[in-house]
N, C-alpha and C. Protein backbone atom coordinates (compact mmCIF):
# COMPACT_ATOMS: atom_id res chain seq x y z
N MET A 1 119.20 83.08 128.04
CA MET A 1 119.43 82.21 128.31
C MET A 1 120.95 82.17 127.05
N THR A 2 121.53 81.37 127.39
CA THR A 2 122.95 80.35 125.89
C THR A 2 123.02 79.56 126.35
N ALA A 3 122.83 79.20 125.47
CA ALA A 3 122.83 77.20 124.82
C ALA A 3 124.56 76.50 125.38
N PRO A 4 124.80 75.60 126.04
CA PRO A 4 125.01 74.62 126.91
C PRO A 4 126.85 75.05 125.62
N THR A 5 127.69 75.03 126.04
CA THR A 5 129.36 74.30 125.37
C THR A 5 128.68 72.97 124.89
N LEU A 6 128.94 72.17 123.79
CA LEU A 6 129.56 70.95 123.55
C LEU A 6 130.91 70.55 124.45
N THR A 7 131.08 69.45 124.82
CA THR A 7 132.12 69.86 125.15
C THR A 7 133.16 68.24 125.50
N CYS A 8 134.51 67.65 124.80
CA CYS A 8 134.71 66.23 124.46
C CYS A 8 134.80 65.87 126.46
N PRO A 9 134.19 64.86 126.19
CA PRO A 9 134.32 64.00 127.82
C PRO A 9 135.92 63.40 128.25
N LEU A 10 136.87 63.09 127.21
CA LEU A 10 138.00 62.85 127.65
C LEU A 10 139.14 63.64 127.45
N CYS A 11 138.88 65.60 127.11
CA CYS A 11 140.22 66.23 127.09
C CYS A 11 139.66 67.61 126.97
N GLN A 12 138.11 67.38 127.36
CA GLN A 12 137.51 68.76 127.64
C GLN A 12 137.68 70.46 127.05
N ASN A 13 137.57 69.60 124.98
CA ASN A 13 138.07 70.51 123.31
C ASN A 13 136.34 71.19 123.43
N THR A 14 136.41 72.47 122.80
CA THR A 14 135.04 72.14 122.38
C THR A 14 134.81 72.66 121.16
N THR A 15 136.38 72.03 120.45
CA THR A 15 136.15 72.19 118.82
C THR A 15 135.45 71.56 118.77
N PHE A 16 134.53 70.70 117.70
CA PHE A 16 134.43 69.13 116.89
C PHE A 16 134.02 69.95 115.67
N GLN A 17 134.59 68.35 114.95
CA GLN A 17 133.70 68.35 113.59
C GLN A 17 132.82 67.37 113.22
N ARG A 18 132.28 68.48 112.51
CA ARG A 18 130.76 67.35 112.32
C ARG A 18 130.66 66.59 111.33
N GLU A 19 129.60 65.51 111.50
CA GLU A 19 130.22 63.93 109.96
C GLU A 19 128.74 63.86 109.94
N GLN A 20 127.91 64.09 109.26
CA GLN A 20 126.29 62.37 108.89
C GLN A 20 126.64 61.59 109.16
N ALA A 21 126.05 60.31 109.57
CA ALA A 21 126.07 59.02 109.79
C ALA A 21 124.96 58.13 109.04
N ARG A 22 124.22 57.30 109.04
CA ARG A 22 123.24 56.24 108.84
C ARG A 22 124.09 55.13 109.10
N GLN A 23 122.78 53.88 109.93
CA GLN A 23 123.21 52.80 110.22
C GLN A 23 121.88 51.74 110.12
N ASP A 24 122.12 50.75 109.94
CA ASP A 24 120.39 50.18 109.06
C ASP A 24 120.74 49.32 110.25
N SER A 25 118.93 49.02 110.45
CA SER A 25 118.52 48.14 111.59
C SER A 25 119.40 46.26 111.57
N ARG A 26 119.12 45.79 112.07
CA ARG A 26 119.35 44.54 112.38
C ARG A 26 119.16 43.45 110.57
N TRP A 27 117.90 44.05 110.50
CA TRP A 27 116.94 43.26 109.43
C TRP A 27 117.18 43.70 108.28
N GLY A 28 117.67 44.76 108.17
CA GLY A 28 117.55 46.63 107.25
C GLY A 28 116.67 46.79 107.03
N PHE A 29 114.85 47.03 107.43
CA PHE A 29 113.82 47.41 107.33
C PHE A 29 114.29 48.87 108.04
N THR A 30 114.81 49.14 109.12
CA THR A 30 114.89 50.75 109.20
C THR A 30 115.75 51.33 109.02
N SER A 31 116.27 52.40 108.84
CA SER A 31 117.00 53.35 108.94
C SER A 31 117.89 54.53 109.45
N HIS A 32 118.94 54.64 110.38
CA HIS A 32 118.43 54.95 111.70
C HIS A 32 119.94 56.15 111.06
N ARG A 33 119.54 57.50 111.07
CA ARG A 33 120.19 58.71 111.12
C ARG A 33 121.39 59.29 112.52
N MET A 34 122.36 59.81 112.49
CA MET A 34 122.71 60.19 113.63
C MET A 34 123.92 60.72 112.85
N THR A 35 124.06 62.22 113.49
CA THR A 35 124.97 63.44 113.76
C THR A 35 126.79 62.69 115.08
N LEU A 36 127.12 62.78 114.31
CA LEU A 36 128.49 62.44 113.95
C LEU A 36 129.29 63.80 114.66
N MET A 37 129.47 63.97 116.43
CA MET A 37 130.95 65.49 116.63
C MET A 37 132.31 65.09 117.11
N ILE A 38 132.88 64.46 116.36
CA ILE A 38 134.49 63.92 116.66
C ILE A 38 135.73 65.65 117.21
N CYS A 39 136.00 65.18 118.44
CA CYS A 39 136.80 65.93 119.19
C CYS A 39 138.01 66.38 117.71
N GLN A 40 137.77 67.55 117.36
CA GLN A 40 139.67 68.42 117.13
C GLN A 40 140.85 67.28 117.21
N ARG A 41 140.88 68.06 118.78
CA ARG A 41 141.96 67.65 119.64
C ARG A 41 142.11 66.26 119.81
N CYS A 42 141.16 64.66 120.07
CA CYS A 42 141.58 63.85 120.40
C CYS A 42 141.17 62.66 119.63
N ARG A 43 140.42 63.14 119.02
CA ARG A 43 139.73 61.78 118.01
C ARG A 43 138.39 61.36 118.30
N TYR A 44 137.31 61.65 119.45
CA TYR A 44 136.57 60.86 120.31
C TYR A 44 135.70 61.02 119.02
N VAL A 45 134.45 60.47 119.74
CA VAL A 45 132.98 60.57 118.78
C VAL A 45 132.63 59.96 119.68
N LEU A 46 131.65 61.85 119.32
CA LEU A 46 129.95 61.77 120.60
C LEU A 46 128.66 61.68 118.89
N HIS A 47 127.96 59.83 119.36
CA HIS A 47 127.29 60.16 118.57
C HIS A 47 126.16 61.23 118.93
N PHE A 48 124.69 61.21 118.30
CA PHE A 48 123.09 61.92 118.19
C PHE A 48 122.52 61.69 118.11
N TYR A 49 121.36 60.92 118.02
CA TYR A 49 120.51 60.41 117.15
C TYR A 49 119.77 61.29 116.89
N ASP A 50 119.44 61.19 115.52
CA ASP A 50 118.52 62.45 114.91
C ASP A 50 116.74 61.87 114.57
N ALA A 51 117.13 60.17 113.78
CA ALA A 51 115.18 60.22 113.55
C ALA A 51 115.45 58.55 112.81
N HIS A 52 114.17 57.69 112.41
CA HIS A 52 114.41 56.20 111.45
C HIS A 52 113.08 56.67 111.01
N SER A 53 113.09 56.19 110.19
CA SER A 53 111.85 55.42 109.43
C SER A 53 111.55 54.26 108.44
N ILE A 54 111.46 53.00 108.52
CA ILE A 54 111.36 52.38 107.82
C ILE A 54 111.10 52.88 106.28
N PHE A 55 110.85 53.99 106.25
CA PHE A 55 111.10 54.06 104.20
C PHE A 55 111.92 55.46 104.09
N ASP A 56 113.01 55.23 104.95
CA ASP A 56 114.25 56.00 104.41
C ASP A 56 115.23 54.45 103.96
N PHE A 57 115.67 55.33 102.78
CA PHE A 57 116.53 54.56 101.76
C PHE A 57 117.30 55.20 101.31
N ASN A 58 117.51 56.36 101.61
CA ASN A 58 118.97 56.93 101.35
C ASN A 58 120.11 56.71 101.86
């Protein structure tokens, strides 16, 4: 069984630039790590949630 191909919901492109992002919670106690997949055609950004931890200070 093959894995599904990631497709941009706006332009149907299948090539993406991968970036890492971090967003702190409202009070700064937790940090949420995300993988961003940026469409190389229209620049639409897909967010994928990785994990969070109260001890994540990076």
